N, C-alpha and C. Protein backbone atom coordinates (compact mmCIF):
# COMPACT_ATOMS: atom_id res chain seq x y z
N UNK A 1 67.29 133.27 91.83
CA UNK A 1 68.50 132.63 92.77
C UNK A 1 69.43 133.69 93.12
N UNK A 2 70.03 134.11 94.03
CA UNK A 2 71.01 134.93 94.28
C UNK A 2 72.05 134.18 94.49
N UNK A 3 73.28 134.40 93.45
CA UNK A 3 74.52 134.18 93.86
C UNK A 3 75.65 134.92 95.15
N UNK A 4 75.95 134.35 96.04
CA UNK A 4 76.76 135.13 96.56
C UNK A 4 78.40 134.55 96.72
N UNK A 5 79.26 135.65 96.56
CA UNK A 5 80.37 135.16 96.32
C UNK A 5 81.35 134.52 98.11
N UNK A 6 81.97 133.67 98.20
CA UNK A 6 82.15 133.66 99.40
C UNK A 6 84.20 133.67 98.91
N UNK A 7 84.49 134.80 99.44
CA UNK A 7 86.05 135.13 99.60
C UNK A 7 87.14 134.05 100.16
N UNK A 8 86.96 132.92 100.88
CA UNK A 8 87.74 131.80 101.36
C UNK A 8 87.59 130.90 100.35
N UNK A 9 86.13 130.62 99.34
CA UNK A 9 86.20 129.54 98.62
C UNK A 9 86.74 129.83 97.26
N UNK A 10 86.58 131.40 97.06
CA UNK A 10 87.25 132.04 96.15
C UNK A 10 88.91 132.01 95.90
N UNK A 11 89.22 131.95 97.06
CA UNK A 11 90.98 132.16 97.33
C UNK A 11 91.09 130.70 97.00
N UNK A 12 90.56 129.81 97.91
CA UNK A 12 91.18 128.62 97.46
C UNK A 12 91.21 127.89 96.15
N UNK A 13 89.81 128.57 95.08
CA UNK A 13 90.26 128.16 94.01
C UNK A 13 91.20 128.75 93.14
N UNK A 14 91.58 129.96 93.42
CA UNK A 14 92.71 130.41 93.23
C UNK A 14 94.04 130.05 93.07
N UNK A 15 94.11 129.35 94.64
CA UNK A 15 95.16 128.55 94.88
C UNK A 15 95.33 127.40 94.43
N UNK A 16 94.28 126.66 94.14
CA UNK A 16 93.75 125.49 93.32
C UNK A 16 94.38 125.42 91.68
N UNK A 17 93.94 126.78 91.24
CA UNK A 17 94.69 126.75 89.70
C UNK A 17 95.98 127.24 89.60
N UNK A 18 96.39 128.32 90.85
CA UNK A 18 97.68 128.45 90.93
C UNK A 18 99.09 127.24 90.79
N UNK A 19 98.41 126.24 91.78
CA UNK A 19 99.49 125.31 91.83
C UNK A 19 99.22 124.56 90.89
N UNK A 20 98.60 124.60 89.58
CA UNK A 20 99.33 123.99 88.31
C UNK A 20 99.90 124.83 87.32
N UNK A 21 100.05 125.83 87.87
CA UNK A 21 101.02 126.61 86.95
C UNK A 21 102.33 127.25 87.86
N UNK A 22 103.37 126.56 88.02
CA UNK A 22 104.13 127.04 89.61
C UNK A 22 105.45 128.01 88.64
N UNK A 23 105.58 128.86 89.68
CA UNK A 23 106.50 129.50 89.07
C UNK A 23 107.78 128.81 89.08
N UNK A 24 108.77 128.74 87.94
CA UNK A 24 110.08 128.41 88.04
C UNK A 24 111.06 128.64 88.83
N UNK A 25 112.22 128.17 89.18
CA UNK A 25 113.09 128.33 90.15
C UNK A 25 113.71 127.18 90.64
N UNK A 26 115.25 127.02 90.88
CA UNK A 26 116.28 126.43 91.01
C UNK A 26 115.47 125.88 92.86
N UNK A 27 115.61 126.64 93.45
CA UNK A 27 115.57 126.56 94.99
C UNK A 27 114.02 125.92 95.44
N UNK A 28 112.85 126.35 94.54
CA UNK A 28 111.63 125.67 94.94
C UNK A 28 112.20 124.27 94.87
N UNK A 29 112.55 124.06 93.36
CA UNK A 29 112.62 122.14 92.99
C UNK A 29 113.71 121.61 93.99
N UNK A 30 114.55 122.51 94.50
CA UNK A 30 115.57 121.63 95.59
C UNK A 30 114.63 121.57 96.78
N UNK A 31 113.86 122.50 97.02
CA UNK A 31 113.11 122.40 98.51
C UNK A 31 112.04 121.22 98.23
N UNK A 32 111.56 120.79 96.98
CA UNK A 32 110.59 119.92 96.85
C UNK A 32 110.81 119.00 97.06
N UNK A 33 112.42 118.50 96.00
CA UNK A 33 112.66 117.36 96.18
C UNK A 33 113.20 116.62 97.44
N UNK A 34 113.97 117.77 98.19
CA UNK A 34 114.47 117.84 99.60
C UNK A 34 113.03 116.93 100.39
N UNK A 35 112.06 117.89 100.40
CA UNK A 35 110.68 117.87 101.17
C UNK A 35 109.96 116.10 100.84
N UNK A 36 110.74 115.78 99.81
CA UNK A 36 109.96 114.10 99.04
C UNK A 36 110.61 113.62 100.04
N UNK A 37 112.16 113.32 99.48
CA UNK A 37 113.13 112.98 100.05
C UNK A 37 113.02 112.48 101.57
N UNK A 38 112.65 113.24 102.49
CA UNK A 38 112.31 113.41 103.73
C UNK A 38 111.58 112.92 104.13
N UNK A 39 110.47 112.98 103.34
CA UNK A 39 109.45 112.34 103.94
C UNK A 39 109.09 110.54 103.48
N UNK A 40 109.80 110.28 102.94
CA UNK A 40 109.67 109.15 102.23
C UNK A 40 110.84 108.06 102.81
N UNK A 41 111.89 109.06 103.65
CA UNK A 41 112.72 108.34 104.69
C UNK A 41 111.84 108.14 105.65
N UNK A 42 111.68 109.19 106.26
CA UNK A 42 110.81 108.82 107.75
C UNK A 42 109.64 107.42 107.16
N UNK A 43 108.65 107.20 106.55
CA UNK A 43 108.04 106.64 106.26
C UNK A 43 108.77 105.54 106.12
N UNK A 44 109.78 105.37 105.50
CA UNK A 44 110.36 104.11 105.22
C UNK A 44 111.09 103.77 107.00
N UNK A 45 112.10 104.36 107.78
CA UNK A 45 111.71 104.12 109.01
C UNK A 45 111.02 103.76 109.87
N UNK A 46 109.53 104.39 109.68
CA UNK A 46 108.17 103.85 110.21
C UNK A 46 108.04 102.45 109.88
N UNK A 47 108.19 101.73 108.54
CA UNK A 47 107.68 100.62 107.98
C UNK A 47 108.68 99.43 108.86
N UNK A 48 110.05 99.67 108.79
CA UNK A 48 110.76 98.55 109.52
C UNK A 48 110.67 98.95 110.65
N UNK A 49 110.37 99.74 111.47
CA UNK A 49 109.97 99.63 112.93
C UNK A 49 108.71 98.85 113.33
N UNK A 50 107.83 98.86 112.50
CA UNK A 50 106.65 97.89 112.22
C UNK A 50 106.87 96.91 111.90
N UNK A 51 107.57 96.46 110.77
CA UNK A 51 108.16 95.17 110.71
C UNK A 51 108.78 94.18 111.82
N UNK A 52 110.31 95.37 112.43
CA UNK A 52 110.56 94.30 113.13
C UNK A 52 109.78 94.18 114.57
N UNK A 53 108.49 95.13 115.07
CA UNK A 53 107.85 94.80 116.28
C UNK A 53 106.56 94.00 115.60
N UNK A 54 106.56 93.31 114.89
CA UNK A 54 105.70 92.55 114.18
C UNK A 54 106.38 91.35 114.10
N UNK A 55 107.61 91.27 113.53
CA UNK A 55 108.45 89.90 113.75
C UNK A 55 108.96 89.58 115.04
N UNK A 56 109.29 90.56 116.03
CA UNK A 56 109.49 89.92 117.44
C UNK A 56 109.11 90.19 118.07
N UNK A 57 107.21 90.57 118.33
CA UNK A 57 106.02 90.79 118.70
C UNK A 57 106.01 89.67 120.02
N UNK A 58 105.79 88.24 119.01
CA UNK A 58 105.10 87.41 119.97
C UNK A 58 106.29 86.55 120.32
N UNK A 59 107.66 86.98 120.41
CA UNK A 59 108.79 86.17 121.00
C UNK A 59 109.54 86.67 121.92
N UNK A 60 109.46 87.89 122.16
CA UNK A 60 110.17 88.67 123.62
C UNK A 60 109.14 89.70 124.06
N UNK A 61 109.24 89.67 125.55
CA UNK A 61 108.39 90.17 126.34
C UNK A 61 109.59 90.87 127.51
N UNK A 62 108.74 92.06 128.12
CA UNK A 62 109.53 92.45 129.05
C UNK A 62 108.92 92.35 130.54
N UNK A 63 108.44 90.89 130.50
CA UNK A 63 108.18 90.27 131.79
C UNK A 63 107.28 90.15 132.45
N UNK A 64 106.60 90.25 133.25
CA UNK A 64 105.03 89.59 133.68
C UNK A 64 104.63 90.95 133.95
N UNK A 65 103.20 90.89 134.88
CA UNK A 65 102.72 92.14 135.24
C UNK A 65 102.03 91.50 136.91
N UNK A 66 102.61 92.03 137.96
CA UNK A 66 101.92 91.45 139.23
C UNK A 66 100.37 91.41 139.23
N UNK A 67 99.49 90.60 140.02
CA UNK A 67 98.13 90.16 139.87
C UNK A 67 97.52 91.40 139.88
N UNK A 68 97.85 92.37 140.69
CA UNK A 68 96.41 93.38 140.88
C UNK A 68 96.56 94.70 139.34
N UNK A 69 97.63 94.23 138.66
CA UNK A 69 97.90 95.15 137.54
C UNK A 69 97.32 94.41 136.26
N UNK A 70 96.95 93.13 136.24
CA UNK A 70 96.87 92.68 134.76
C UNK A 70 95.95 93.16 134.00
N UNK A 71 94.79 93.41 134.54
CA UNK A 71 93.72 93.88 134.08
C UNK A 71 93.80 95.21 133.32
N UNK A 72 94.61 95.82 133.73
CA UNK A 72 94.90 97.37 133.32
C UNK A 72 95.93 97.21 132.07
N UNK A 73 97.08 96.23 132.29
CA UNK A 73 97.72 96.07 131.28
C UNK A 73 97.13 95.40 130.01
N UNK A 74 96.06 94.64 130.18
CA UNK A 74 95.46 94.10 129.08
C UNK A 74 94.80 95.24 128.35
N UNK A 75 94.35 96.44 129.03
CA UNK A 75 93.26 97.23 128.46
C UNK A 75 94.55 98.07 127.24
N UNK A 76 95.62 98.23 127.76
CA UNK A 76 96.83 98.89 127.35
C UNK A 76 97.07 98.27 125.46
């Protein structure tokens, strides 16, 4: 059997192993923590907006749809 080396998979393996031992640095840590905070904050806003929509979903409406367009509105 002949082994062939794929440069893409070799590079991917090098990146995966290199991520286990990142270089030290204050700026890198600050960027990582900031990214994590922003990501979790956006997720929190999304969950809160979903909970609000589910709570008011059956009690609030924007009015009725005229009869020719009811079928299209139900598809949306």
